[in-house]
Amino acid sequence: MHLAVDTLGHLLTLHVTPADPQDREQVAELAQTVQEVTGGTVDVAFVDQGYTGESAQSQAQDFGMDLIVVKHTEAKRGFVLLPRRWVVERSIAWMARFRRLARDYERLADTLAGLHFVALACLMLSKAAARLGQGS
C-alpha cells in the first residue's frame, strides 16, 4: 500500500498494490493523483528510502514535484523518529486501530482501499467534531 498525506495526516491518495512491485515504480501514479487532488500545488514530497533512484525522481519531476528522501543517518536500533516521515507513519498507525485493517483479509485491492478511505474519513470527522466541541 502506498499513500500520500498532507502535513496534518489527511489522506491525499492511496494506491494498493501486491507486495512484489518496487516502491519506486509507483511514483508516477502517486504524483499524478496528488497533483490532481491538490490542484497542482505540491512542490515537494518527503519519502522513505524505498522511493530512491533517478527513475523515481524523474517520474515525480514529470508532475512538478521534487522527492526528498528521508534517510537514517546511521544504523540505529529501535524506533527512531525521522523528520517529516513520521506524518505518514502516524496516519498508518491511526488506521491500524480499525480492526478490519489490522490484517490483510481482503481479496480485492479496491475493497482494501475503500476501507482505508472509510477509516480515515471517520478519523477526520471525529477530529472535526472534537474541534467544534471545544469552540462551544
Protein backbone atom coordinates (compact mmCIF):
# COMPACT_ATOMS: atom_id res chain seq x y z
CA MET A 1 0.00 0.00 0.00
CA HIS A 2 1.28 3.44 -0.94
CA LEU A 3 -0.28 6.57 0.47
CA ALA A 4 0.30 10.28 0.39
CA VAL A 5 -0.89 12.54 3.18
CA ASP A 6 -0.70 16.26 3.82
CA THR A 7 1.17 17.75 6.77
CA LEU A 8 -1.82 17.17 9.05
CA GLY A 9 -2.04 13.49 8.13
CA HIS A 10 -5.13 13.81 5.94
CA LEU A 11 -5.24 11.38 3.05
CA LEU A 12 -4.47 12.74 -0.41
CA THR A 13 -4.20 9.48 -2.30
CA LEU A 14 -3.99 5.76 -1.67
CA HIS A 15 -2.69 3.11 -4.06
CA VAL A 16 -2.89 -0.60 -3.20
CA THR A 17 -0.50 -2.96 -4.97
CA PRO A 18 0.65 -6.54 -4.49
CA ALA A 19 3.77 -6.96 -2.39
CA ASP A 20 6.14 -7.74 -5.27
CA PRO A 21 6.39 -4.42 -7.22
CA GLN A 22 9.09 -1.97 -6.15
CA ASP A 23 8.00 1.22 -4.39
CA ARG A 24 9.79 3.42 -6.92
CA GLU A 25 7.58 2.01 -9.70
CA GLN A 26 4.52 3.65 -8.11
CA VAL A 27 5.82 7.23 -8.03
CA ALA A 28 4.23 8.38 -11.31
CA GLU A 29 0.73 7.27 -10.33
CA LEU A 30 1.03 8.73 -6.82
CA ALA A 31 2.44 12.04 -8.07
CA GLN A 32 -0.24 12.38 -10.73
CA THR A 33 -3.05 11.73 -8.27
CA VAL A 34 -1.60 14.06 -5.64
CA GLN A 35 -1.35 16.88 -8.18
CA GLU A 36 -4.92 16.24 -9.38
CA VAL A 37 -6.29 16.29 -5.83
CA THR A 38 -4.36 19.40 -4.76
CA GLY A 39 -4.71 21.37 -7.98
CA GLY A 40 -1.01 21.05 -8.76
CA THR A 41 0.15 22.89 -5.64
CA VAL A 42 2.56 20.27 -4.28
CA ASP A 43 6.21 21.07 -4.97
CA VAL A 44 8.00 18.73 -2.53
CA ALA A 45 7.25 15.21 -1.33
CA PHE A 46 9.09 13.65 1.61
CA VAL A 47 9.53 9.91 1.01
CA ASP A 48 11.32 6.96 2.57
CA GLN A 49 14.26 5.05 1.12
CA GLY A 50 12.02 2.80 -0.97
CA TYR A 51 11.49 5.69 -3.38
CA THR A 52 15.15 6.42 -4.15
CA GLY A 53 16.71 6.50 -7.59
CA GLU A 54 16.82 8.55 -10.76
CA SER A 55 13.71 6.87 -12.17
CA ALA A 56 11.57 7.83 -9.17
CA GLN A 57 12.94 11.38 -9.17
CA SER A 58 12.26 11.86 -12.88
CA GLN A 59 8.73 10.43 -12.56
CA ALA A 60 7.98 12.92 -9.80
CA GLN A 61 9.52 15.80 -11.76
CA ASP A 62 7.24 14.98 -14.70
CA PHE A 63 4.40 16.11 -12.42
CA GLY A 64 6.24 19.14 -10.99
CA MET A 65 7.30 17.52 -7.72
CA ASP A 66 10.70 17.09 -6.14
CA LEU A 67 11.29 14.00 -3.99
CA ILE A 68 13.27 14.44 -0.79
CA VAL A 69 14.32 11.07 0.60
CA VAL A 70 14.37 10.98 4.41
CA LYS A 71 17.16 8.55 5.34
CA HIS A 72 18.55 7.14 8.54
CA THR A 73 21.84 8.90 9.13
CA GLU A 74 23.34 5.75 10.61
CA ALA A 75 22.20 2.28 11.60
CA LYS A 76 20.17 2.58 14.79
CA ARG A 77 18.29 0.16 16.96
CA GLY A 78 14.67 0.58 17.91
CA PHE A 79 12.21 3.27 16.90
CA VAL A 80 13.73 6.50 15.64
CA LEU A 81 11.54 9.49 14.82
CA LEU A 82 12.54 10.79 11.40
CA PRO A 83 11.60 14.33 10.41
CA ARG A 84 8.61 14.69 8.07
CA ARG A 85 8.27 10.94 7.51
CA TRP A 86 6.51 10.48 10.85
CA VAL A 87 3.37 12.15 9.45
CA VAL A 88 2.54 9.25 7.13
CA GLU A 89 3.58 6.71 9.77
CA ARG A 90 1.18 8.38 12.22
CA SER A 91 -1.65 8.12 9.67
CA ILE A 92 -0.92 4.42 9.20
CA ALA A 93 -0.99 3.95 12.99
CA TRP A 94 -4.36 5.72 13.19
CA MET A 95 -5.76 3.35 10.57
CA ALA A 96 -4.36 0.32 12.38
CA ARG A 97 -6.78 0.99 15.25
CA PHE A 98 -9.60 -0.21 12.99
CA ARG A 99 -9.89 -3.97 13.47
CA ARG A 100 -10.72 -4.66 9.84
CA LEU A 101 -7.45 -3.05 8.76
CA ALA A 102 -5.27 -4.80 11.34
CA ARG A 103 -4.72 -7.71 8.94
CA ASP A 104 -4.92 -8.01 5.17
CA TYR A 105 -8.05 -10.11 4.82
CA GLU A 106 -9.35 -8.54 1.63
CA ARG A 107 -9.04 -10.24 -1.73
CA LEU A 108 -9.63 -7.16 -3.86
CA ALA A 109 -7.40 -4.10 -3.80
CA ASP A 110 -10.42 -1.82 -4.32
CA THR A 111 -12.06 -3.20 -1.18
CA LEU A 112 -8.94 -2.59 0.89
CA ALA A 113 -8.55 0.93 -0.49
CA GLY A 114 -12.22 1.66 0.24
CA LEU A 115 -11.87 0.51 3.84
CA HIS A 116 -8.86 2.80 4.29
CA PHE A 117 -10.85 5.73 2.91
CA VAL A 118 -13.70 4.97 5.33
CA ALA A 119 -11.31 4.68 8.28
CA LEU A 120 -9.59 7.99 7.53
CA ALA A 121 -12.95 9.70 6.90
CA CYS A 122 -14.12 8.52 10.34
CA LEU A 123 -10.90 9.82 11.91
CA MET A 124 -11.21 13.22 10.24
CA LEU A 125 -14.89 13.51 11.23
CA SER A 126 -14.16 12.69 14.86
CA LYS A 127 -11.35 15.29 14.93
CA ALA A 128 -13.63 17.91 13.35
CA ALA A 129 -16.36 17.11 15.91
CA ALA A 130 -13.85 17.44 18.75
CA ARG A 131 -12.76 20.85 17.44
CA LEU A 132 -16.38 22.00 17.19
CA GLY A 133 -16.98 20.83 20.75
CA GLN A 134 -14.03 22.86 22.01
CA GLY A 135 -15.29 26.05 20.40
CA SER A 136 -18.71 25.95 22.12
